[in-house]
């Protein structure tokens, strides 16, 4: 997962919005799997509503002072850098304006990273507290005030990746070995193939320089529903005493992880609002 975010989101953002200095600094290390870059978007009071962020970057002479708090920041405890979304002009009435992105090397003495442990005890998520972190304009990713446009472009990549629909694939495969003639299995496999084709088509659109935010939100919504349906199908169609050790282990793990499927990358409710607004404008 560490390089899943770094390769898929951060590298693309650097290629599109980064300065030449930032590209030279980070892209070779990313390609060599030496750099792990976290993304600080969500906040305690904002959640999936990124326009509600309160983290501030305040001008301080020729630089900035960054203060605020991020939560659910994946791999911040392992990261060599973090991309942070902050409000740089709080006076604008448009909630989507006056937001910028910053690329900050880690560790930093003014950045405190604390674990948020999952129900199974695993540590992937973190709380990140920013205590007047000093920045220069060289830390700015892209242009000041363009953060909203940049982050929505990144989210199209995050939400549409083929790996988004594969969280429960090991469970599906284990179940297929034990229930090869199940009609339910056939339906889910057909759904998986369709979702993958949709995902690949979005990847092609991104390669062409398009911005398929609506399509990406739709695929992510359908994909997380599919992942949950796999778990439900295995629970309904198999008896606990008849499950193999492998199937039981994968099912137990998937049950604990299922609530996160519809949260990471935006809740299903937020994704559906993105789709509805996007379609209304077409």
C-alpha atoms as a PDB file:
ATOM      1  CA  UNK A   1       0.000   0.000   0.000  1.00  0.00           C
ATOM      2  CA  UNK A   2       2.930   2.358   0.645  1.00  0.00           C
ATOM      3  CA  UNK A   3       3.866   2.554  -3.028  1.00  0.00           C
ATOM      4  CA  UNK A   4       0.266   2.191  -4.155  1.00  0.00           C
ATOM      5  CA  UNK A   5      -0.373   5.806  -3.091  1.00  0.00           C
ATOM      6  CA  UNK A   6       3.087   7.081  -4.004  1.00  0.00           C
ATOM      7  CA  UNK A   7       3.163   5.619  -7.509  1.00  0.00           C
ATOM      8  CA  UNK A   8      -0.461   6.092  -8.450  1.00  0.00           C
ATOM      9  CA  UNK A   9      -1.259   9.519  -7.038  1.00  0.00           C
ATOM     10  CA  UNK A  10       1.827  11.439  -6.037  1.00  0.00           C
ATOM     11  CA  UNK A  11       3.985  10.591  -9.062  1.00  0.00           C
ATOM     12  CA  UNK A  12       1.173  11.628 -11.403  1.00  0.00           C
ATOM     13  CA  UNK A  13       0.635  14.869  -9.495  1.00  0.00           C
ATOM     14  CA  UNK A  14       4.354  15.652  -9.651  1.00  0.00           C
ATOM     15  CA  UNK A  15       4.424  15.035 -13.391  1.00  0.00           C
ATOM     16  CA  UNK A  16       1.430  17.305 -13.954  1.00  0.00           C
ATOM     17  CA  UNK A  17       1.923  20.046 -11.369  1.00  0.00           C
ATOM     18  CA  UNK A  18       5.391  19.740  -9.832  1.00  0.00           C
ATOM     19  CA  UNK A  19       8.281  22.102 -10.388  1.00  0.00           C
ATOM     20  CA  UNK A  20      11.372  20.854 -12.179  1.00  0.00           C
ATOM     21  CA  UNK A  21      13.179  20.868  -8.842  1.00  0.00           C
ATOM     22  CA  UNK A  22      10.456  18.722  -7.222  1.00  0.00           C
ATOM     23  CA  UNK A  23      10.463  16.289 -10.127  1.00  0.00           C
ATOM     24  CA  UNK A  24      14.232  15.838  -9.939  1.00  0.00           C
ATOM     25  CA  UNK A  25      14.076  15.487  -6.167  1.00  0.00           C
ATOM     26  CA  UNK A  26      11.317  12.882  -5.904  1.00  0.00           C
ATOM     27  CA  UNK A  27      10.562  11.061  -9.147  1.00  0.00           C
ATOM     28  CA  UNK A  28      13.804   9.033  -9.396  1.00  0.00           C
ATOM     29  CA  UNK A  29      13.396   7.878  -5.785  1.00  0.00           C
ATOM     30  CA  UNK A  30       9.761   6.963  -6.415  1.00  0.00           C
ATOM     31  CA  UNK A  31      10.780   4.930  -9.468  1.00  0.00           C
ATOM     32  CA  UNK A  32      13.393   3.115  -7.351  1.00  0.00           C
ATOM     33  CA  UNK A  33      10.833   2.500  -4.558  1.00  0.00           C
ATOM     34  CA  UNK A  34      12.964   4.557  -2.181  1.00  0.00           C
ATOM     35  CA  UNK A  35      10.468   7.369  -1.586  1.00  0.00           C
ATOM     36  CA  UNK A  36       7.166   6.861   0.223  1.00  0.00           C
ATOM     37  CA  UNK A  37       4.887   9.894   0.013  1.00  0.00           C
ATOM     38  CA  UNK A  38       1.744  10.221   2.131  1.00  0.00           C
ATOM     39  CA  UNK A  39      -1.232  12.454   1.335  1.00  0.00           C
ATOM     40  CA  UNK A  40      -2.745  14.700   4.019  1.00  0.00           C
ATOM     41  CA  UNK A  41      -6.283  15.509   2.917  1.00  0.00           C
ATOM     42  CA  UNK A  42      -8.944  14.431   5.435  1.00  0.00           C
ATOM     43  CA  UNK A  43      -9.429  16.332   8.689  1.00  0.00           C
ATOM     44  CA  UNK A  44     -11.427  15.648  11.873  1.00  0.00           C
ATOM     45  CA  UNK A  45     -14.241  18.060  10.980  1.00  0.00           C
ATOM     46  CA  UNK A  46     -14.057  17.713   7.196  1.00  0.00           C
ATOM     47  CA  UNK A  47     -13.920  13.989   6.367  1.00  0.00           C
ATOM     48  CA  UNK A  48     -14.829  13.483   2.736  1.00  0.00           C
ATOM     49  CA  UNK A  49     -15.810  17.155   2.410  1.00  0.00           C
ATOM     50  CA  UNK A  50     -12.371  18.430   1.453  1.00  0.00           C
ATOM     51  CA  UNK A  51     -13.724  21.935   0.895  1.00  0.00           C
ATOM     52  CA  UNK A  52     -14.284  22.061   4.649  1.00  0.00           C
ATOM     53  CA  UNK A  53     -10.603  21.845   5.591  1.00  0.00           C
ATOM     54  CA  UNK A  54      -9.304  24.216   8.264  1.00  0.00           C
ATOM     55  CA  UNK A  55      -5.558  23.534   7.978  1.00  0.00           C
ATOM     56  CA  UNK A  56      -3.974  26.914   7.200  1.00  0.00           C
ATOM     57  CA  UNK A  57      -0.835  28.022   5.438  1.00  0.00           C
ATOM     58  CA  UNK A  58      -0.221  31.617   6.504  1.00  0.00           C
ATOM     59  CA  UNK A  59       2.246  33.942   4.807  1.00  0.00           C
ATOM     60  CA  UNK A  60       5.309  34.603   6.954  1.00  0.00           C
ATOM     61  CA  UNK A  61       7.734  36.952   5.192  1.00  0.00           C
ATOM     62  CA  UNK A  62       8.917  35.216   2.036  1.00  0.00           C
ATOM     63  CA  UNK A  63       7.577  31.844   3.206  1.00  0.00           C
ATOM     64  CA  UNK A  64       4.679  30.208   5.006  1.00  0.00           C
ATOM     65  CA  UNK A  65       3.681  28.778   8.376  1.00  0.00           C
ATOM     66  CA  UNK A  66       1.545  25.645   8.178  1.00  0.00           C
ATOM     67  CA  UNK A  67      -0.737  24.665  11.040  1.00  0.00           C
ATOM     68  CA  UNK A  68      -3.568  22.172  11.358  1.00  0.00           C
ATOM     69  CA  UNK A  69      -4.441  18.521  11.798  1.00  0.00           C
ATOM     70  CA  UNK A  70      -4.959  15.645   9.366  1.00  0.00           C
ATOM     71  CA  UNK A  71      -6.464  12.216  10.077  1.00  0.00           C
ATOM     72  CA  UNK A  72      -6.618   8.840   8.291  1.00  0.00           C
ATOM     73  CA  UNK A  73      -3.266   9.691   6.705  1.00  0.00           C
ATOM     74  CA  UNK A  74      -2.070   6.376   5.316  1.00  0.00           C
ATOM     75  CA  UNK A  75       1.620   5.513   5.842  1.00  0.00           C
ATOM     76  CA  UNK A  76       2.581   8.891   7.319  1.00  0.00           C
ATOM     77  CA  UNK A  77       4.686   6.957   9.861  1.00  0.00           C
ATOM     78  CA  UNK A  78       6.716   5.450   7.013  1.00  0.00           C
ATOM     79  CA  UNK A  79       6.720   8.411   4.644  1.00  0.00           C
ATOM     80  CA  UNK A  80       9.743  10.360   3.464  1.00  0.00           C
ATOM     81  CA  UNK A  81       7.446  13.214   2.400  1.00  0.00           C
ATOM     82  CA  UNK A  82       3.805  14.251   2.576  1.00  0.00           C
ATOM     83  CA  UNK A  83       1.523  16.223   0.250  1.00  0.00           C
ATOM     84  CA  UNK A  84      -0.659  18.523   2.348  1.00  0.00           C
ATOM     85  CA  UNK A  85      -3.858  20.324   1.380  1.00  0.00           C
ATOM     86  CA  UNK A  86      -4.183  23.683   3.133  1.00  0.00           C
ATOM     87  CA  UNK A  87      -6.220  26.850   2.917  1.00  0.00           C
ATOM     88  CA  UNK A  88      -4.038  29.757   1.801  1.00  0.00           C
ATOM     89  CA  UNK A  89      -6.785  32.391   1.441  1.00  0.00           C
ATOM     90  CA  UNK A  90      -9.513  31.994   4.083  1.00  0.00           C
ATOM     91  CA  UNK A  91     -11.370  35.160   3.060  1.00  0.00           C
ATOM     92  CA  UNK A  92     -12.753  33.892  -0.232  1.00  0.00           C
ATOM     93  CA  UNK A  93     -16.482  33.055  -0.194  1.00  0.00           C
ATOM     94  CA  UNK A  94     -16.035  30.151  -2.599  1.00  0.00           C
ATOM     95  CA  UNK A  95     -15.114  27.180  -0.385  1.00  0.00           C
ATOM     96  CA  UNK A  96     -13.281  25.557  -3.290  1.00  0.00           C
ATOM     97  CA  UNK A  97     -11.033  28.560  -3.885  1.00  0.00           C
ATOM     98  CA  UNK A  98      -8.022  29.700  -1.882  1.00  0.00           C
ATOM     99  CA  UNK A  99      -6.735  26.141  -1.337  1.00  0.00           C
ATOM    100  CA  UNK A 100      -3.193  25.030  -2.153  1.00  0.00           C
ATOM    101  CA  UNK A 101      -1.002  21.937  -1.937  1.00  0.00           C
ATOM    102  CA  UNK A 102       2.410  21.687  -0.306  1.00  0.00           C
ATOM    103  CA  UNK A 103       5.046  18.966  -0.558  1.00  0.00           C
ATOM    104  CA  UNK A 104       6.885  18.603   2.749  1.00  0.00           C
ATOM    105  CA  UNK A 105       9.862  16.285   3.463  1.00  0.00           C
ATOM    106  CA  UNK A 106       9.586  14.019   6.518  1.00  0.00           C
ATOM    107  CA  UNK A 107      10.482  13.622   9.306  1.00  0.00           C
ATOM    108  CA  UNK A 108      10.081  17.181  10.513  1.00  0.00           C
ATOM    109  CA  UNK A 109      10.391  18.333  14.154  1.00  0.00           C
ATOM    110  CA  UNK A 110       7.171  20.343  13.852  1.00  0.00           C
ATOM    111  CA  UNK A 111       5.153  17.455  12.405  1.00  0.00           C
ATOM    112  CA  UNK A 112       3.794  14.953  14.928  1.00  0.00           C
ATOM    113  CA  UNK A 113       2.595  11.593  13.566  1.00  0.00           C
ATOM    114  CA  UNK A 114       0.442   9.394  15.840  1.00  0.00           C
ATOM    115  CA  UNK A 115      -1.026   5.974  14.975  1.00  0.00           C
ATOM    116  CA  UNK A 116      -4.731   5.319  14.406  1.00  0.00           C
ATOM    117  CA  UNK A 117      -5.071   1.559  14.766  1.00  0.00           C
ATOM    118  CA  UNK A 118      -7.713  -0.434  12.932  1.00  0.00           C
ATOM    119  CA  UNK A 119     -10.055  -2.855  14.652  1.00  0.00           C
ATOM    120  CA  UNK A 120      -7.686  -5.723  13.819  1.00  0.00           C
ATOM    121  CA  UNK A 121      -4.749  -3.902  15.394  1.00  0.00           C
ATOM    122  CA  UNK A 122      -3.022  -3.021  12.126  1.00  0.00           C
ATOM    123  CA  UNK A 123      -1.336   0.364  11.795  1.00  0.00           C
ATOM    124  CA  UNK A 124      -1.714   2.016   8.403  1.00  0.00           C
ATOM    125  CA  UNK A 125      -3.621   5.199   9.333  1.00  0.00           C
ATOM    126  CA  UNK A 126      -2.272   8.150  11.299  1.00  0.00           C
ATOM    127  CA  UNK A 127      -3.136  11.507  12.783  1.00  0.00           C
ATOM    128  CA  UNK A 128      -0.742  14.238  11.625  1.00  0.00           C
ATOM    129  CA  UNK A 129      -0.453  17.451  13.659  1.00  0.00           C
ATOM    130  CA  UNK A 130       1.236  20.436  11.996  1.00  0.00           C
ATOM    131  CA  UNK A 131       2.665  22.907  14.511  1.00  0.00           C
ATOM    132  CA  UNK A 132       3.599  26.117  12.658  1.00  0.00           C
ATOM    133  CA  UNK A 133       5.689  24.212  10.138  1.00  0.00           C
ATOM    134  CA  UNK A 134       7.959  26.650   8.249  1.00  0.00           C
ATOM    135  CA  UNK A 135       7.725  26.392   4.454  1.00  0.00           C
ATOM    136  CA  UNK A 136       9.119  28.180   1.447  1.00  0.00           C
ATOM    137  CA  UNK A 137       7.570  28.696  -1.975  1.00  0.00           C
ATOM    138  CA  UNK A 138       9.696  25.745  -3.122  1.00  0.00           C
ATOM    139  CA  UNK A 139       7.380  23.517  -1.049  1.00  0.00           C
ATOM    140  CA  UNK A 140       4.310  24.675  -3.006  1.00  0.00           C
ATOM    141  CA  UNK A 141       3.020  21.936  -5.315  1.00  0.00           C
ATOM    142  CA  UNK A 142       1.533  23.523  -8.399  1.00  0.00           C
ATOM    143  CA  UNK A 143       0.199  27.069  -8.214  1.00  0.00           C
ATOM    144  CA  UNK A 144      -1.094  28.882  -5.152  1.00  0.00           C
ATOM    145  CA  UNK A 145      -4.889  28.693  -5.065  1.00  0.00           C
ATOM    146  CA  UNK A 146      -5.112  25.799  -7.541  1.00  0.00           C
ATOM    147  CA  UNK A 147      -5.257  23.106  -4.868  1.00  0.00           C
ATOM    148  CA  UNK A 148      -8.894  22.181  -5.432  1.00  0.00           C
ATOM    149  CA  UNK A 149      -8.474  21.624  -9.169  1.00  0.00           C
ATOM    150  CA  UNK A 150      -5.273  19.674  -8.555  1.00  0.00           C
ATOM    151  CA  UNK A 151      -6.686  17.421  -5.865  1.00  0.00           C
ATOM    152  CA  UNK A 152      -9.830  16.582  -7.849  1.00  0.00           C
ATOM    153  CA  UNK A 153      -7.609  15.581 -10.763  1.00  0.00           C
ATOM    154  CA  UNK A 154      -5.618  13.341  -8.405  1.00  0.00           C
ATOM    155  CA  UNK A 155      -8.799  11.799  -7.001  1.00  0.00           C
ATOM    156  CA  UNK A 156      -9.787  10.646 -10.487  1.00  0.00           C
ATOM    157  CA  UNK A 157      -6.616   8.554 -10.445  1.00  0.00           C
ATOM    158  CA  UNK A 158      -7.117   7.357  -6.876  1.00  0.00           C
ATOM    159  CA  UNK A 159     -10.734   6.326  -7.272  1.00  0.00           C
ATOM    160  CA  UNK A 160     -10.490   4.599 -10.636  1.00  0.00           C
ATOM    161  CA  UNK A 161      -7.419   2.394 -10.235  1.00  0.00           C
ATOM    162  CA  UNK A 162      -8.003  -1.305 -11.020  1.00  0.00           C
ATOM    163  CA  UNK A 163      -6.632  -2.221  -7.594  1.00  0.00           C
ATOM    164  CA  UNK A 164      -9.604  -0.411  -6.034  1.00  0.00           C
ATOM    165  CA  UNK A 165     -11.845  -3.385  -6.787  1.00  0.00           C
ATOM    166  CA  UNK A 166      -9.383  -6.097  -5.768  1.00  0.00           C
ATOM    167  CA  UNK A 167      -9.425  -5.906  -1.958  1.00  0.00           C
ATOM    168  CA  UNK A 168     -11.601  -9.016  -1.705  1.00  0.00           C
ATOM    169  CA  UNK A 169     -10.185 -10.806  -4.764  1.00  0.00           C
ATOM    170  CA  UNK A 170      -8.179 -13.311  -2.619  1.00  0.00           C
ATOM    171  CA  UNK A 171     -11.428 -14.177  -0.826  1.00  0.00           C
ATOM    172  CA  UNK A 172     -13.279 -14.527  -4.130  1.00  0.00           C
ATOM    173  CA  UNK A 173     -10.588 -16.854  -5.480  1.00  0.00           C
ATOM    174  CA  UNK A 174     -10.577 -19.020  -2.355  1.00  0.00           C
ATOM    175  CA  UNK A 175     -14.366 -19.255  -2.502  1.00  0.00           C
ATOM    176  CA  UNK A 176     -14.227 -20.160  -6.221  1.00  0.00           C
ATOM    177  CA  UNK A 177     -12.042 -23.158  -5.414  1.00  0.00           C
ATOM    178  CA  UNK A 178     -14.671 -24.410  -2.960  1.00  0.00           C
ATOM    179  CA  UNK A 179     -17.858 -23.411  -4.790  1.00  0.00           C
ATOM    180  CA  UNK A 180     -17.066 -23.712  -8.525  1.00  0.00           C
ATOM    181  CA  UNK A 181     -20.711 -24.199  -9.624  1.00  0.00           C
ATOM    182  CA  UNK A 182     -22.247 -21.284  -7.703  1.00  0.00           C
ATOM    183  CA  UNK A 183     -24.523 -18.967  -9.694  1.00  0.00           C
ATOM    184  CA  UNK A 184     -23.660 -16.229  -7.210  1.00  0.00           C
ATOM    185  CA  UNK A 185     -19.981 -16.707  -7.987  1.00  0.00           C
ATOM    186  CA  UNK A 186     -20.634 -16.372 -11.712  1.00  0.00           C
ATOM    187  CA  UNK A 187     -22.525 -13.124 -11.199  1.00  0.00           C
ATOM    188  CA  UNK A 188     -19.725 -11.628  -9.114  1.00  0.00           C
ATOM    189  CA  UNK A 189     -17.007 -12.677 -11.559  1.00  0.00           C
ATOM    190  CA  UNK A 190     -18.950 -11.075 -14.423  1.00  0.00           C
ATOM    191  CA  UNK A 191     -19.305  -7.929 -12.327  1.00  0.00           C
ATOM    192  CA  UNK A 192     -15.564  -7.926 -11.616  1.00  0.00           C
ATOM    193  CA  UNK A 193     -14.687  -8.204 -15.316  1.00  0.00           C
ATOM    194  CA  UNK A 194     -17.042  -5.334 -16.153  1.00  0.00           C
ATOM    195  CA  UNK A 195     -15.611  -3.108 -13.422  1.00  0.00           C
ATOM    196  CA  UNK A 196     -12.082  -3.791 -14.578  1.00  0.00           C
ATOM    197  CA  UNK A 197     -12.951  -2.827 -18.163  1.00  0.00           C
ATOM    198  CA  UNK A 198     -14.503   0.399 -16.862  1.00  0.00           C
ATOM    199  CA  UNK A 199     -11.400   1.102 -14.795  1.00  0.00           C
ATOM    200  CA  UNK A 200      -9.059   0.502 -17.717  1.00  0.00           C
ATOM    201  CA  UNK A 201     -11.116   2.852 -19.905  1.00  0.00           C
ATOM    202  CA  UNK A 202     -10.678   5.608 -17.304  1.00  0.00           C
ATOM    203  CA  UNK A 203      -6.935   4.950 -17.211  1.00  0.00           C
ATOM    204  CA  UNK A 204      -6.876   5.414 -20.981  1.00  0.00           C
ATOM    205  CA  UNK A 205      -8.775   8.703 -20.662  1.00  0.00           C
ATOM    206  CA  UNK A 206      -6.267   9.926 -18.063  1.00  0.00           C
ATOM    207  CA  UNK A 207      -3.413   9.016 -20.402  1.00  0.00           C
ATOM    208  CA  UNK A 208      -5.065  11.190 -23.057  1.00  0.00           C
ATOM    209  CA  UNK A 209      -5.058  14.148 -20.682  1.00  0.00           C
ATOM    210  CA  UNK A 210      -8.789  14.038 -19.964  1.00  0.00           C
ATOM    211  CA  UNK A 211     -10.305  14.569 -16.497  1.00  0.00           C
ATOM    212  CA  UNK A 212     -12.872  11.786 -15.942  1.00  0.00           C
ATOM    213  CA  UNK A 213     -13.758  12.707 -12.335  1.00  0.00           C
ATOM    214  CA  UNK A 214     -17.404  11.654 -12.741  1.00  0.00           C
ATOM    215  CA  UNK A 215     -16.541   8.297 -14.291  1.00  0.00           C
ATOM    216  CA  UNK A 216     -13.908   7.642 -11.614  1.00  0.00           C
ATOM    217  CA  UNK A 217     -16.379   8.403  -8.816  1.00  0.00           C
ATOM    218  CA  UNK A 218     -18.909   6.042 -10.412  1.00  0.00           C
ATOM    219  CA  UNK A 219     -16.392   3.189 -10.704  1.00  0.00           C
ATOM    220  CA  UNK A 220     -15.236   3.673  -7.127  1.00  0.00           C
ATOM    221  CA  UNK A 221     -18.838   3.594  -5.855  1.00  0.00           C
ATOM    222  CA  UNK A 222     -19.676   0.449  -7.836  1.00  0.00           C
ATOM    223  CA  UNK A 223     -16.338  -1.129  -6.933  1.00  0.00           C
ATOM    224  CA  UNK A 224     -16.730  -0.756  -3.184  1.00  0.00           C
ATOM    225  CA  UNK A 225     -20.266  -2.133  -3.421  1.00  0.00           C
ATOM    226  CA  UNK A 226     -18.848  -5.127  -5.281  1.00  0.00           C
ATOM    227  CA  UNK A 227     -16.179  -5.715  -2.628  1.00  0.00           C
ATOM    228  CA  UNK A 228     -18.836  -5.771   0.069  1.00  0.00           C
ATOM    229  CA  UNK A 229     -21.067  -8.075  -1.977  1.00  0.00           C
ATOM    230  CA  UNK A 230     -18.242 -10.636  -2.176  1.00  0.00           C
ATOM    231  CA  UNK A 231     -18.051 -10.743   1.614  1.00  0.00           C
ATOM    232  CA  UNK A 232     -21.827 -11.005   1.963  1.00  0.00           C
ATOM    233  CA  UNK A 233     -22.043 -13.779  -0.639  1.00  0.00           C
ATOM    234  CA  UNK A 234     -19.398 -15.925   1.044  1.00  0.00           C
ATOM    235  CA  UNK A 235     -21.043 -15.511   4.439  1.00  0.00           C
ATOM    236  CA  UNK A 236     -24.475 -16.405   3.074  1.00  0.00           C
ATOM    237  CA  UNK A 237     -23.517 -19.380   0.942  1.00  0.00           C
ATOM    238  CA  UNK A 238     -21.019 -21.175   3.190  1.00  0.00           C
ATOM    239  CA  UNK A 239     -21.265 -22.652   6.661  1.00  0.00           C
ATOM    240  CA  UNK A 240     -18.564 -21.780   9.148  1.00  0.00           C
ATOM    241  CA  UNK A 241     -17.869 -25.439   9.961  1.00  0.00           C
ATOM    242  CA  UNK A 242     -17.447 -26.275   6.260  1.00  0.00           C
ATOM    243  CA  UNK A 243     -15.043 -23.459   5.327  1.00  0.00           C
ATOM    244  CA  UNK A 244     -11.434 -24.322   4.716  1.00  0.00           C
ATOM    245  CA  UNK A 245      -8.839 -22.743   6.958  1.00  0.00           C
ATOM    246  CA  UNK A 246      -7.796 -20.387   4.159  1.00  0.00           C
ATOM    247  CA  UNK A 247     -11.362 -19.323   3.347  1.00  0.00           C
ATOM    248  CA  UNK A 248     -12.189 -18.754   7.014  1.00  0.00           C
ATOM    249  CA  UNK A 249      -9.065 -16.655   7.523  1.00  0.00           C
ATOM    250  CA  UNK A 250      -9.692 -14.498   4.443  1.00  0.00           C
ATOM    251  CA  UNK A 251     -13.351 -14.045   5.336  1.00  0.00           C
ATOM    252  CA  UNK A 252     -12.560 -13.000   8.911  1.00  0.00           C
ATOM    253  CA  UNK A 253     -10.083 -10.429   7.626  1.00  0.00           C
ATOM    254  CA  UNK A 254     -12.495  -9.107   4.975  1.00  0.00           C
ATOM    255  CA  UNK A 255     -15.331  -8.699   7.486  1.00  0.00           C
ATOM    256  CA  UNK A 256     -13.127  -6.433   9.602  1.00  0.00           C
ATOM    257  CA  UNK A 257     -11.974  -4.412   6.595  1.00  0.00           C
ATOM    258  CA  UNK A 258     -15.331  -4.022   4.828  1.00  0.00           C
ATOM    259  CA  UNK A 259     -16.415  -0.788   6.603  1.00  0.00           C
ATOM    260  CA  UNK A 260     -13.309   0.964   5.267  1.00  0.00           C
ATOM    261  CA  UNK A 261     -14.100   0.079   1.646  1.00  0.00           C
ATOM    262  CA  UNK A 262     -16.849   2.691   1.404  1.00  0.00           C
ATOM    263  CA  UNK A 263     -14.872   5.355   3.281  1.00  0.00           C
ATOM    264  CA  UNK A 264     -11.399   5.538   1.763  1.00  0.00           C
ATOM    265  CA  UNK A 265     -11.198   7.772  -1.270  1.00  0.00           C
ATOM    266  CA  UNK A 266     -14.570   9.328  -0.436  1.00  0.00           C
ATOM    267  CA  UNK A 267     -17.774   7.908   0.999  1.00  0.00           C
ATOM    268  CA  UNK A 268     -20.353   6.460  -1.358  1.00  0.00           C
ATOM    269  CA  UNK A 269     -22.703   9.348  -0.548  1.00  0.00           C
ATOM    270  CA  UNK A 270     -20.066  11.912  -1.556  1.00  0.00           C
ATOM    271  CA  UNK A 271     -19.228   9.959  -4.715  1.00  0.00           C
ATOM    272  CA  UNK A 272     -22.869   9.860  -5.752  1.00  0.00           C
ATOM    273  CA  UNK A 273     -23.159  13.595  -5.281  1.00  0.00           C
ATOM    274  CA  UNK A 274     -20.091  14.030  -7.506  1.00  0.00           C
ATOM    275  CA  UNK A 275     -21.746  11.885 -10.174  1.00  0.00           C
ATOM    276  CA  UNK A 276     -25.089  13.700  -9.888  1.00  0.00           C
ATOM    277  CA  UNK A 277     -23.527  17.175 -10.122  1.00  0.00           C
ATOM    278  CA  UNK A 278     -21.283  16.120 -12.974  1.00  0.00           C
ATOM    279  CA  UNK A 279     -24.091  14.624 -15.011  1.00  0.00           C
ATOM    280  CA  UNK A 280     -26.262  17.692 -14.417  1.00  0.00           C
ATOM    281  CA  UNK A 281     -23.587  19.874 -16.023  1.00  0.00           C
ATOM    282  CA  UNK A 282     -23.315  17.725 -19.158  1.00  0.00           C
END
